[in-house]
Amino acid sequence: MQRTPQGPTVWQKCKMGAAMGAGVGLTIGFIFGGYSILRGGAGPRGVLPTLSQYMLSSAATFSFFLAIGSVIRNDADLPPHLEAARLQLTSPMMRSRAEGVSLMRRRWELEREKPN
């Protein structure tokens, strides 16, 4: 019996998204917090607490949204034969613009070929 490799679980995807969001949030928090401190001063608490507050709040926000987004984005992986069936069964309104243009051109060609 040959085993096929499995993809990451939903929990692993959630943790990976949260870790990526935390890294992005810390960086963005450092940039905007540093700019805010340079522009308006550190305030009564000082530089380090103010900067850390910016960084932690930004990291928490990005972490939350990227964790949810990575699970939603990667949760619906379909095998190729089911993806092909889904594309055939969806309405034309749900297809991409390129598919819509090719469908419209085929219909125009059929209209031209019809005898009047």
Protein backbone atom coordinates (compact mmCIF):
# COMPACT_ATOMS: atom_id res chain seq x y z
CA MET A 1 0.00 0.00 0.00
CA GLN A 2 1.50 3.30 -1.09
CA ARG A 3 0.74 6.40 0.93
CA THR A 4 0.23 9.74 -0.77
CA PRO A 5 1.71 12.82 0.89
CA GLN A 6 -0.80 14.82 2.88
CA GLY A 7 -1.02 18.61 2.93
CA PRO A 8 -0.94 20.65 6.10
CA THR A 9 -3.92 20.41 8.44
CA VAL A 10 -6.27 23.31 9.08
CA TRP A 11 -4.60 23.95 12.44
CA GLN A 12 -1.14 24.04 10.82
CA LYS A 13 -2.42 26.48 8.20
CA CYS A 14 -3.91 28.65 10.95
CA LYS A 15 -0.64 28.68 12.91
CA MET A 16 1.38 29.45 9.79
CA GLY A 17 -0.92 32.35 8.88
CA ALA A 18 -0.73 33.69 12.44
CA ALA A 19 3.06 33.51 12.46
CA MET A 20 3.30 35.28 9.12
CA GLY A 21 0.81 37.92 10.28
CA ALA A 22 2.76 38.47 13.49
CA GLY A 23 5.97 39.05 11.52
CA VAL A 24 4.29 41.46 9.13
CA GLY A 25 2.49 43.21 12.00
CA LEU A 26 5.67 43.68 14.03
CA THR A 27 7.40 45.20 11.03
CA ILE A 28 4.53 47.52 10.17
CA GLY A 29 4.13 48.46 13.83
CA PHE A 30 7.82 49.30 14.05
CA ILE A 31 7.66 51.49 10.94
CA PHE A 32 4.49 53.38 11.86
CA GLY A 33 5.29 53.52 15.57
CA GLY A 34 8.77 54.85 14.87
CA TYR A 35 7.38 57.44 12.50
CA SER A 36 4.76 58.49 15.05
CA ILE A 37 7.37 58.81 17.80
CA LEU A 38 9.72 60.81 15.58
CA ARG A 39 6.91 63.07 14.45
CA GLY A 40 4.98 63.67 17.68
CA GLY A 41 7.27 62.57 20.47
CA ALA A 42 7.15 59.55 22.73
CA GLY A 43 4.58 60.92 25.18
CA PRO A 44 4.51 60.44 28.95
CA ARG A 45 5.27 56.70 28.85
CA GLY A 46 8.54 56.90 26.96
CA VAL A 47 9.87 55.59 23.67
CA LEU A 48 10.05 51.85 24.31
CA PRO A 49 6.55 51.34 25.77
CA THR A 50 4.99 53.47 23.04
CA LEU A 51 6.83 51.64 20.26
CA SER A 52 6.05 48.23 21.75
CA GLN A 53 2.35 49.12 22.00
CA TYR A 54 2.28 50.03 18.30
CA MET A 55 4.14 46.85 17.38
CA LEU A 56 2.08 44.46 19.53
CA SER A 57 -1.29 45.85 18.52
CA SER A 58 -0.33 45.75 14.85
CA ALA A 59 1.05 42.21 15.21
CA ALA A 60 -2.13 40.99 16.93
CA THR A 61 -4.36 42.49 14.24
CA PHE A 62 -2.35 41.17 11.29
CA SER A 63 -1.93 37.79 12.97
CA PHE A 64 -5.67 37.39 13.51
CA PHE A 65 -6.65 38.29 9.96
CA LEU A 66 -3.89 36.33 8.23
CA ALA A 67 -4.66 33.23 10.31
CA ILE A 68 -8.31 33.33 9.27
CA GLY A 69 -7.46 34.25 5.69
CA SER A 70 -4.97 31.42 5.24
CA VAL A 71 -7.51 28.86 6.44
CA ILE A 72 -10.25 30.24 4.20
CA ARG A 73 -7.95 30.52 1.20
CA ASN A 74 -6.51 27.00 1.47
CA ASP A 75 -9.48 25.10 2.84
CA ALA A 76 -11.18 24.26 -0.45
CA ASP A 77 -8.50 22.37 -2.35
CA LEU A 78 -10.30 20.13 -4.80
CA PRO A 79 -8.78 17.33 -6.87
CA PRO A 80 -8.35 18.30 -10.55
CA HIS A 81 -11.28 16.18 -11.81
CA LEU A 82 -13.65 17.76 -9.28
CA GLU A 83 -12.35 21.26 -10.08
CA ALA A 84 -13.07 20.61 -13.79
CA ALA A 85 -16.57 19.44 -12.93
CA ARG A 86 -17.14 22.50 -10.77
CA LEU A 87 -16.10 24.80 -13.61
CA GLN A 88 -18.49 23.07 -16.01
CA LEU A 89 -21.41 23.27 -13.61
CA THR A 90 -21.02 26.87 -12.44
CA SER A 91 -23.10 29.55 -14.03
CA PRO A 92 -21.49 31.90 -16.56
CA MET A 93 -21.74 34.73 -14.03
CA MET A 94 -19.23 32.95 -11.77
CA ARG A 95 -16.57 32.38 -14.42
CA SER A 96 -13.52 34.49 -15.10
CA ARG A 97 -13.47 37.34 -17.58
CA ALA A 98 -11.36 35.36 -20.07
CA GLU A 99 -13.79 32.46 -19.99
CA GLY A 100 -16.68 34.86 -20.50
CA VAL A 101 -15.03 36.47 -23.52
CA SER A 102 -14.28 33.11 -25.14
CA LEU A 103 -17.86 31.95 -24.50
CA MET A 104 -19.22 35.16 -26.01
CA ARG A 105 -17.03 34.80 -29.10
CA ARG A 106 -18.20 31.20 -29.62
CA ARG A 107 -21.81 32.34 -29.42
CA TRP A 108 -21.16 35.12 -31.96
CA GLU A 109 -19.59 32.60 -34.34
CA LEU A 110 -22.62 30.34 -34.00
CA GLU A 111 -24.92 33.31 -34.72
CA ARG A 112 -22.95 34.18 -37.88
CA GLU A 113 -23.14 30.59 -39.12
CA LYS A 114 -26.93 30.40 -38.74
CA PRO A 115 -28.87 30.78 -41.96
CA ASN A 116 -31.32 33.68 -41.89
